[in-house]
Amino acid sequence: MTRADDEILEYLETNGAGTPKSISDEIKRNNDYIGVRCRKLDSYGLVEKPSRGFYVLTDSGEEYLEGDLDVSELETDE
């Protein structure tokens, strides 16, 4: 997990959902990099993509932010 990953998850928790562009505008990071990180977070099940380019926080993502989930125990679906 990177600092950007935490920022993405925090953004989604606060805003409910977002695109890599909306997230990158808010947290001041490169849009392409945020897209890569969102796909990685999706592979770990911390976010999900209900439609193309649109991400929401999952229950696992909420547990991670609350400190109740150790990401080292997660497996990717890749």
N, C-alpha and C. Protein backbone atom coordinates (compact mmCIF):
# COMPACT_ATOMS: atom_id res chain seq x y z
N MET A 1 0.84 -1.18 0.00
CA MET A 1 0.00 0.00 0.00
C MET A 1 0.89 1.24 0.00
N THR A 2 0.47 2.22 -0.78
CA THR A 2 1.20 3.48 -0.86
C THR A 2 0.38 4.58 -0.17
N ARG A 3 1.03 5.71 0.03
CA ARG A 3 0.31 6.86 0.59
C ARG A 3 -0.84 7.25 -0.34
N ALA A 4 -0.60 7.15 -1.65
CA ALA A 4 -1.66 7.47 -2.62
C ALA A 4 -2.85 6.52 -2.45
N ASP A 5 -2.58 5.25 -2.16
CA ASP A 5 -3.67 4.29 -1.95
C ASP A 5 -4.54 4.74 -0.78
N ASP A 6 -3.89 5.14 0.30
CA ASP A 6 -4.64 5.63 1.46
C ASP A 6 -5.47 6.87 1.09
N GLU A 7 -4.86 7.77 0.32
CA GLU A 7 -5.57 8.98 -0.08
C GLU A 7 -6.77 8.65 -0.97
N ILE A 8 -6.62 7.67 -1.86
CA ILE A 8 -7.72 7.25 -2.72
C ILE A 8 -8.86 6.69 -1.88
N LEU A 9 -8.53 5.80 -0.96
CA LEU A 9 -9.55 5.20 -0.11
C LEU A 9 -10.24 6.25 0.76
N GLU A 10 -9.48 7.18 1.28
CA GLU A 10 -10.06 8.25 2.09
C GLU A 10 -10.97 9.13 1.25
N TYR A 11 -10.57 9.41 0.02
CA TYR A 11 -11.41 10.19 -0.89
C TYR A 11 -12.74 9.48 -1.12
N LEU A 12 -12.67 8.18 -1.42
CA LEU A 12 -13.89 7.43 -1.68
C LEU A 12 -14.78 7.33 -0.45
N GLU A 13 -14.17 7.23 0.72
CA GLU A 13 -14.95 7.20 1.95
C GLU A 13 -15.70 8.52 2.15
N THR A 14 -15.03 9.61 1.88
CA THR A 14 -15.63 10.94 2.06
C THR A 14 -16.67 11.26 0.99
N ASN A 15 -16.37 10.91 -0.26
CA ASN A 15 -17.20 11.33 -1.37
C ASN A 15 -18.16 10.26 -1.89
N GLY A 16 -18.03 9.04 -1.41
CA GLY A 16 -18.93 7.98 -1.82
C GLY A 16 -18.50 7.24 -3.06
N ALA A 17 -17.93 7.95 -4.01
CA ALA A 17 -17.48 7.35 -5.27
C ALA A 17 -16.64 8.36 -6.03
N GLY A 18 -15.97 7.88 -7.07
CA GLY A 18 -15.19 8.80 -7.88
C GLY A 18 -14.52 8.13 -9.05
N THR A 19 -14.07 8.95 -9.95
CA THR A 19 -13.28 8.51 -11.10
C THR A 19 -11.82 8.83 -10.82
N PRO A 20 -10.90 8.18 -11.51
CA PRO A 20 -9.49 8.55 -11.32
C PRO A 20 -9.25 10.05 -11.53
N LYS A 21 -9.96 10.66 -12.47
CA LYS A 21 -9.79 12.09 -12.73
C LYS A 21 -10.26 12.92 -11.53
N SER A 22 -11.45 12.61 -11.01
CA SER A 22 -11.95 13.39 -9.87
C SER A 22 -11.06 13.20 -8.64
N ILE A 23 -10.57 11.98 -8.47
CA ILE A 23 -9.68 11.71 -7.33
C ILE A 23 -8.36 12.45 -7.51
N SER A 24 -7.78 12.38 -8.70
CA SER A 24 -6.48 13.02 -8.94
C SER A 24 -6.58 14.53 -8.79
N ASP A 25 -7.70 15.12 -9.22
CA ASP A 25 -7.88 16.56 -9.05
C ASP A 25 -7.89 16.94 -7.57
N GLU A 26 -8.51 16.12 -6.75
CA GLU A 26 -8.65 16.42 -5.33
C GLU A 26 -7.35 16.20 -4.56
N ILE A 27 -6.66 15.10 -4.84
CA ILE A 27 -5.47 14.78 -4.05
C ILE A 27 -4.17 15.21 -4.71
N LYS A 28 -4.30 15.88 -5.85
CA LYS A 28 -3.15 16.49 -6.54
C LYS A 28 -2.08 15.47 -6.94
N ARG A 29 -2.55 14.41 -7.62
CA ARG A 29 -1.64 13.41 -8.15
C ARG A 29 -1.99 13.15 -9.61
N ASN A 30 -1.07 12.54 -10.33
CA ASN A 30 -1.25 12.26 -11.75
C ASN A 30 -2.44 11.33 -11.99
N ASN A 31 -3.30 11.71 -12.93
CA ASN A 31 -4.50 10.96 -13.26
C ASN A 31 -4.19 9.52 -13.67
N ASP A 32 -3.18 9.31 -14.51
CA ASP A 32 -2.83 7.96 -14.95
C ASP A 32 -2.37 7.10 -13.76
N TYR A 33 -1.57 7.69 -12.88
CA TYR A 33 -1.10 6.97 -11.71
C TYR A 33 -2.27 6.58 -10.81
N ILE A 34 -3.22 7.47 -10.64
CA ILE A 34 -4.39 7.16 -9.81
C ILE A 34 -5.19 6.02 -10.45
N GLY A 35 -5.30 6.02 -11.77
CA GLY A 35 -5.99 4.92 -12.45
C GLY A 35 -5.31 3.58 -12.20
N VAL A 36 -3.99 3.56 -12.25
CA VAL A 36 -3.23 2.34 -11.98
C VAL A 36 -3.47 1.88 -10.55
N ARG A 37 -3.42 2.81 -9.62
CA ARG A 37 -3.61 2.45 -8.21
C ARG A 37 -5.04 1.99 -7.94
N CYS A 38 -6.03 2.60 -8.58
CA CYS A 38 -7.42 2.17 -8.41
C CYS A 38 -7.60 0.73 -8.90
N ARG A 39 -6.98 0.40 -10.02
CA ARG A 39 -7.07 -0.97 -10.53
C ARG A 39 -6.41 -1.95 -9.56
N LYS A 40 -5.30 -1.55 -8.96
CA LYS A 40 -4.63 -2.39 -7.98
C LYS A 40 -5.50 -2.56 -6.72
N LEU A 41 -6.10 -1.48 -6.26
CA LEU A 41 -6.98 -1.56 -5.10
C LEU A 41 -8.19 -2.44 -5.41
N ASP A 42 -8.68 -2.39 -6.64
CA ASP A 42 -9.78 -3.25 -7.07
C ASP A 42 -9.35 -4.71 -7.03
N SER A 43 -8.12 -4.99 -7.45
CA SER A 43 -7.64 -6.38 -7.45
C SER A 43 -7.54 -6.94 -6.03
N TYR A 44 -7.35 -6.07 -5.04
CA TYR A 44 -7.31 -6.49 -3.63
C TYR A 44 -8.69 -6.49 -2.98
N GLY A 45 -9.71 -6.02 -3.71
CA GLY A 45 -11.05 -6.00 -3.17
C GLY A 45 -11.34 -4.84 -2.23
N LEU A 46 -10.48 -3.81 -2.24
CA LEU A 46 -10.69 -2.66 -1.37
C LEU A 46 -11.61 -1.62 -2.01
N VAL A 47 -11.66 -1.63 -3.32
CA VAL A 47 -12.63 -0.81 -4.07
C VAL A 47 -13.25 -1.72 -5.13
N GLU A 48 -14.36 -1.27 -5.68
CA GLU A 48 -14.95 -1.99 -6.80
C GLU A 48 -15.36 -0.99 -7.86
N LYS A 49 -15.53 -1.50 -9.05
CA LYS A 49 -15.84 -0.65 -10.20
C LYS A 49 -17.21 -1.05 -10.74
N PRO A 50 -18.28 -0.37 -10.26
CA PRO A 50 -19.62 -0.73 -10.72
C PRO A 50 -19.88 -0.35 -12.18
N SER A 51 -19.12 0.60 -12.69
CA SER A 51 -19.20 0.95 -14.10
C SER A 51 -17.84 1.45 -14.56
N ARG A 52 -17.66 1.53 -15.84
CA ARG A 52 -16.35 1.87 -16.41
C ARG A 52 -15.79 3.17 -15.83
N GLY A 53 -14.60 3.06 -15.23
CA GLY A 53 -13.89 4.23 -14.73
C GLY A 53 -14.47 4.86 -13.48
N PHE A 54 -15.36 4.17 -12.81
CA PHE A 54 -16.04 4.70 -11.64
C PHE A 54 -15.81 3.75 -10.48
N TYR A 55 -15.27 4.25 -9.37
CA TYR A 55 -14.89 3.40 -8.25
C TYR A 55 -15.65 3.77 -6.98
N VAL A 56 -15.94 2.74 -6.17
CA VAL A 56 -16.55 2.92 -4.86
C VAL A 56 -15.78 2.07 -3.85
N LEU A 57 -15.85 2.46 -2.60
CA LEU A 57 -15.19 1.76 -1.51
C LEU A 57 -16.00 0.51 -1.15
N THR A 58 -15.31 -0.60 -0.91
CA THR A 58 -15.98 -1.83 -0.48
C THR A 58 -15.97 -1.91 1.05
N ASP A 59 -16.66 -2.91 1.57
CA ASP A 59 -16.62 -3.14 3.02
C ASP A 59 -15.20 -3.39 3.49
N SER A 60 -14.42 -4.13 2.68
CA SER A 60 -13.02 -4.39 3.04
C SER A 60 -12.22 -3.09 3.07
N GLY A 61 -12.49 -2.20 2.13
CA GLY A 61 -11.83 -0.90 2.12
C GLY A 61 -12.15 -0.10 3.36
N GLU A 62 -13.40 -0.15 3.80
CA GLU A 62 -13.80 0.53 5.03
C GLU A 62 -13.09 -0.09 6.23
N GLU A 63 -13.01 -1.42 6.26
CA GLU A 63 -12.32 -2.09 7.37
C GLU A 63 -10.85 -1.69 7.42
N TYR A 64 -10.22 -1.59 6.24
CA TYR A 64 -8.82 -1.17 6.19
C TYR A 64 -8.67 0.24 6.79
N LEU A 65 -9.52 1.16 6.38
CA LEU A 65 -9.43 2.53 6.89
C LEU A 65 -9.66 2.61 8.39
N GLU A 66 -10.50 1.72 8.91
CA GLU A 66 -10.77 1.69 10.34
C GLU A 66 -9.67 0.98 11.13
N GLY A 67 -8.71 0.37 10.43
CA GLY A 67 -7.62 -0.34 11.09
C GLY A 67 -7.97 -1.76 11.46
N ASP A 68 -9.08 -2.27 10.93
CA ASP A 68 -9.54 -3.62 11.26
C ASP A 68 -9.11 -4.66 10.24
N LEU A 69 -8.37 -4.27 9.21
CA LEU A 69 -7.96 -5.19 8.16
C LEU A 69 -6.49 -4.98 7.84
N ASP A 70 -5.72 -6.05 7.88
CA ASP A 70 -4.31 -6.02 7.53
C ASP A 70 -4.19 -6.40 6.06
N VAL A 71 -3.77 -5.47 5.22
CA VAL A 71 -3.72 -5.73 3.78
C VAL A 71 -2.71 -6.81 3.40
N SER A 72 -1.78 -7.10 4.28
CA SER A 72 -0.81 -8.16 3.97
C SER A 72 -1.50 -9.53 3.89
N GLU A 73 -2.71 -9.61 4.44
CA GLU A 73 -3.46 -10.86 4.41
C GLU A 73 -4.33 -11.00 3.15
N LEU A 74 -4.42 -9.93 2.37
CA LEU A 74 -5.25 -9.96 1.17
C LEU A 74 -4.53 -10.59 0.00
N GLU A 75 -5.28 -11.23 -0.86
CA GLU A 75 -4.74 -11.78 -2.09
C GLU A 75 -5.38 -11.06 -3.26
N THR A 76 -4.62 -10.85 -4.32
CA THR A 76 -5.19 -10.18 -5.49
C THR A 76 -5.94 -11.22 -6.33
N ASP A 77 -6.83 -10.72 -7.13
CA ASP A 77 -7.55 -11.60 -8.04
C ASP A 77 -6.88 -11.63 -9.42
N GLU A 78 -5.66 -11.13 -9.48
CA GLU A 78 -4.93 -11.11 -10.75
C GLU A 78 -4.20 -12.42 -10.97
